[in-house]
């Protein structure tokens, strides 16, 4: 299982990405946190922005598809995308996540 993160500026974008990932069976769950304050350098300037953080939980078998979906639908030119493997997962949760992360019937 993997946990992956991205950030967006608008709640509508956060909801759209979260709903789309779950509806497509790419993530078992997406949590939206925030606002968080991000400090970064962009085009040579120091920036500060309020953003919402999305945390995607997905099986390893869906990570590449989830990444492609998020990056293609993301409103930023250079979106944050971080994914890390989960070292330990409760057996029941993992079973639920795998069952929930399948391509739904059309």
C-alpha atoms as a PDB file:
ATOM      1  CA  UNK A   1       0.000   0.000   0.000  1.00  0.00           C
ATOM      2  CA  UNK A   2       1.077   3.591  -0.661  1.00  0.00           C
ATOM      3  CA  UNK A   3       0.178   6.976   0.724  1.00  0.00           C
ATOM      4  CA  UNK A   4       0.518   9.859  -1.715  1.00  0.00           C
ATOM      5  CA  UNK A   5       0.111  13.605  -1.288  1.00  0.00           C
ATOM      6  CA  UNK A   6      -0.629  16.659  -3.331  1.00  0.00           C
ATOM      7  CA  UNK A   7      -1.825  20.174  -2.564  1.00  0.00           C
ATOM      8  CA  UNK A   8      -4.278  22.532  -4.261  1.00  0.00           C
ATOM      9  CA  UNK A   9      -5.429  26.092  -3.602  1.00  0.00           C
ATOM     10  CA  UNK A  10      -9.188  25.629  -4.000  1.00  0.00           C
ATOM     11  CA  UNK A  11     -11.637  23.366  -2.178  1.00  0.00           C
ATOM     12  CA  UNK A  12     -13.471  22.588  -5.425  1.00  0.00           C
ATOM     13  CA  UNK A  13     -10.239  21.204  -6.936  1.00  0.00           C
ATOM     14  CA  UNK A  14      -9.563  19.131  -3.809  1.00  0.00           C
ATOM     15  CA  UNK A  15     -13.068  17.657  -3.877  1.00  0.00           C
ATOM     16  CA  UNK A  16     -12.891  16.992  -7.627  1.00  0.00           C
ATOM     17  CA  UNK A  17      -9.552  15.155  -7.399  1.00  0.00           C
ATOM     18  CA  UNK A  18     -10.617  13.165  -4.319  1.00  0.00           C
ATOM     19  CA  UNK A  19     -13.992  12.165  -5.739  1.00  0.00           C
ATOM     20  CA  UNK A  20     -12.509  11.260  -9.116  1.00  0.00           C
ATOM     21  CA  UNK A  21      -9.783   9.079  -7.615  1.00  0.00           C
ATOM     22  CA  UNK A  22     -12.226   7.133  -5.444  1.00  0.00           C
ATOM     23  CA  UNK A  23     -14.901   6.872  -8.164  1.00  0.00           C
ATOM     24  CA  UNK A  24     -12.322   5.459 -10.603  1.00  0.00           C
ATOM     25  CA  UNK A  25     -11.105   2.926  -8.050  1.00  0.00           C
ATOM     26  CA  UNK A  26      -7.626   4.476  -7.987  1.00  0.00           C
ATOM     27  CA  UNK A  27      -7.652   5.196  -4.253  1.00  0.00           C
ATOM     28  CA  UNK A  28      -9.512   3.528  -1.430  1.00  0.00           C
ATOM     29  CA  UNK A  29      -9.725   6.784   0.499  1.00  0.00           C
ATOM     30  CA  UNK A  30      -8.676  10.403   0.134  1.00  0.00           C
ATOM     31  CA  UNK A  31      -8.471  12.753   3.089  1.00  0.00           C
ATOM     32  CA  UNK A  32      -8.418  16.524   2.685  1.00  0.00           C
ATOM     33  CA  UNK A  33      -6.571  18.544   5.344  1.00  0.00           C
ATOM     34  CA  UNK A  34      -6.191  22.223   5.719  1.00  0.00           C
ATOM     35  CA  UNK A  35      -5.766  24.845   5.114  1.00  0.00           C
ATOM     36  CA  UNK A  36      -2.033  24.415   5.456  1.00  0.00           C
ATOM     37  CA  UNK A  37       0.475  27.172   4.776  1.00  0.00           C
ATOM     38  CA  UNK A  38       3.172  26.366   2.231  1.00  0.00           C
ATOM     39  CA  UNK A  39       6.424  28.327   1.936  1.00  0.00           C
ATOM     40  CA  UNK A  40       8.389  27.770  -1.260  1.00  0.00           C
ATOM     41  CA  UNK A  41      10.431  29.385  -4.003  1.00  0.00           C
ATOM     42  CA  UNK A  42       8.679  29.814  -7.357  1.00  0.00           C
ATOM     43  CA  UNK A  43      10.307  31.412 -10.397  1.00  0.00           C
ATOM     44  CA  UNK A  44      13.030  32.904  -8.206  1.00  0.00           C
ATOM     45  CA  UNK A  45      10.652  34.463  -5.678  1.00  0.00           C
ATOM     46  CA  UNK A  46       9.858  33.378  -2.130  1.00  0.00           C
ATOM     47  CA  UNK A  47       6.163  32.544  -1.911  1.00  0.00           C
ATOM     48  CA  UNK A  48       3.665  31.701   0.798  1.00  0.00           C
ATOM     49  CA  UNK A  49       0.223  30.262   0.090  1.00  0.00           C
ATOM     50  CA  UNK A  50      -2.677  28.641   1.864  1.00  0.00           C
ATOM     51  CA  UNK A  51      -3.427  25.249   0.351  1.00  0.00           C
ATOM     52  CA  UNK A  52      -5.414  22.100   1.002  1.00  0.00           C
ATOM     53  CA  UNK A  53      -3.500  18.835   1.288  1.00  0.00           C
ATOM     54  CA  UNK A  54      -4.909  15.638  -0.181  1.00  0.00           C
ATOM     55  CA  UNK A  55      -3.708  12.298   1.190  1.00  0.00           C
ATOM     56  CA  UNK A  56      -4.484   9.352  -1.092  1.00  0.00           C
ATOM     57  CA  UNK A  57      -4.372   5.755   0.174  1.00  0.00           C
ATOM     58  CA  UNK A  58      -3.954   3.234  -2.592  1.00  0.00           C
ATOM     59  CA  UNK A  59      -2.660  -0.265  -3.264  1.00  0.00           C
ATOM     60  CA  UNK A  60       0.679  -0.522  -5.037  1.00  0.00           C
ATOM     61  CA  UNK A  61      -1.095  -1.970  -8.077  1.00  0.00           C
ATOM     62  CA  UNK A  62      -2.998   1.320  -8.627  1.00  0.00           C
ATOM     63  CA  UNK A  63      -0.251   3.855  -7.834  1.00  0.00           C
ATOM     64  CA  UNK A  64       0.872   4.512 -11.418  1.00  0.00           C
ATOM     65  CA  UNK A  65      -2.705   5.016 -12.576  1.00  0.00           C
ATOM     66  CA  UNK A  66      -3.463   7.273  -9.609  1.00  0.00           C
ATOM     67  CA  UNK A  67      -0.375   9.365 -10.333  1.00  0.00           C
ATOM     68  CA  UNK A  68      -1.314   9.732 -14.005  1.00  0.00           C
ATOM     69  CA  UNK A  69      -4.862  10.765 -13.064  1.00  0.00           C
ATOM     70  CA  UNK A  70      -3.807  13.328 -10.443  1.00  0.00           C
ATOM     71  CA  UNK A  71      -1.095  14.894 -12.607  1.00  0.00           C
ATOM     72  CA  UNK A  72      -3.366  15.116 -15.664  1.00  0.00           C
ATOM     73  CA  UNK A  73      -6.266  16.657 -13.711  1.00  0.00           C
ATOM     74  CA  UNK A  74      -4.283  18.883 -11.347  1.00  0.00           C
ATOM     75  CA  UNK A  75      -4.779  22.654 -11.704  1.00  0.00           C
ATOM     76  CA  UNK A  76      -1.091  23.506 -11.036  1.00  0.00           C
ATOM     77  CA  UNK A  77       1.592  23.610 -13.733  1.00  0.00           C
ATOM     78  CA  UNK A  78       4.003  21.847 -11.354  1.00  0.00           C
ATOM     79  CA  UNK A  79       1.960  19.900  -8.820  1.00  0.00           C
ATOM     80  CA  UNK A  80       3.421  18.361  -5.723  1.00  0.00           C
ATOM     81  CA  UNK A  81       3.308  14.564  -5.981  1.00  0.00           C
ATOM     82  CA  UNK A  82       4.883  12.487  -3.241  1.00  0.00           C
ATOM     83  CA  UNK A  83       4.239   8.793  -2.704  1.00  0.00           C
ATOM     84  CA  UNK A  84       5.695   6.582  -0.009  1.00  0.00           C
ATOM     85  CA  UNK A  85       5.212   2.883   0.725  1.00  0.00           C
ATOM     86  CA  UNK A  86       3.437   2.071   3.956  1.00  0.00           C
ATOM     87  CA  UNK A  87       5.545  -0.143   6.170  1.00  0.00           C
ATOM     88  CA  UNK A  88       2.687  -1.684   8.153  1.00  0.00           C
ATOM     89  CA  UNK A  89      -1.019  -1.853   7.396  1.00  0.00           C
ATOM     90  CA  UNK A  90      -3.746  -3.492   9.433  1.00  0.00           C
ATOM     91  CA  UNK A  91      -4.844  -6.678   7.677  1.00  0.00           C
ATOM     92  CA  UNK A  92      -8.540  -5.767   7.633  1.00  0.00           C
ATOM     93  CA  UNK A  93      -7.838  -2.234   6.401  1.00  0.00           C
ATOM     94  CA  UNK A  94      -5.566  -3.512   3.634  1.00  0.00           C
ATOM     95  CA  UNK A  95      -8.190  -6.034   2.557  1.00  0.00           C
ATOM     96  CA  UNK A  96     -10.821  -3.278   2.453  1.00  0.00           C
ATOM     97  CA  UNK A  97      -8.492  -0.926   0.570  1.00  0.00           C
ATOM     98  CA  UNK A  98      -7.661  -3.548  -2.051  1.00  0.00           C
ATOM     99  CA  UNK A  99     -11.342  -4.399  -2.525  1.00  0.00           C
ATOM    100  CA  UNK A 100     -12.243  -0.698  -2.754  1.00  0.00           C
ATOM    101  CA  UNK A 101      -9.529   0.119  -5.278  1.00  0.00           C
ATOM    102  CA  UNK A 102     -10.791  -1.742  -8.271  1.00  0.00           C
ATOM    103  CA  UNK A 103     -12.114  -0.434 -11.527  1.00  0.00           C
ATOM    104  CA  UNK A 104     -15.863  -0.013 -11.026  1.00  0.00           C
ATOM    105  CA  UNK A 105     -18.194  -1.536 -13.614  1.00  0.00           C
ATOM    106  CA  UNK A 106     -19.406   0.849 -16.316  1.00  0.00           C
END
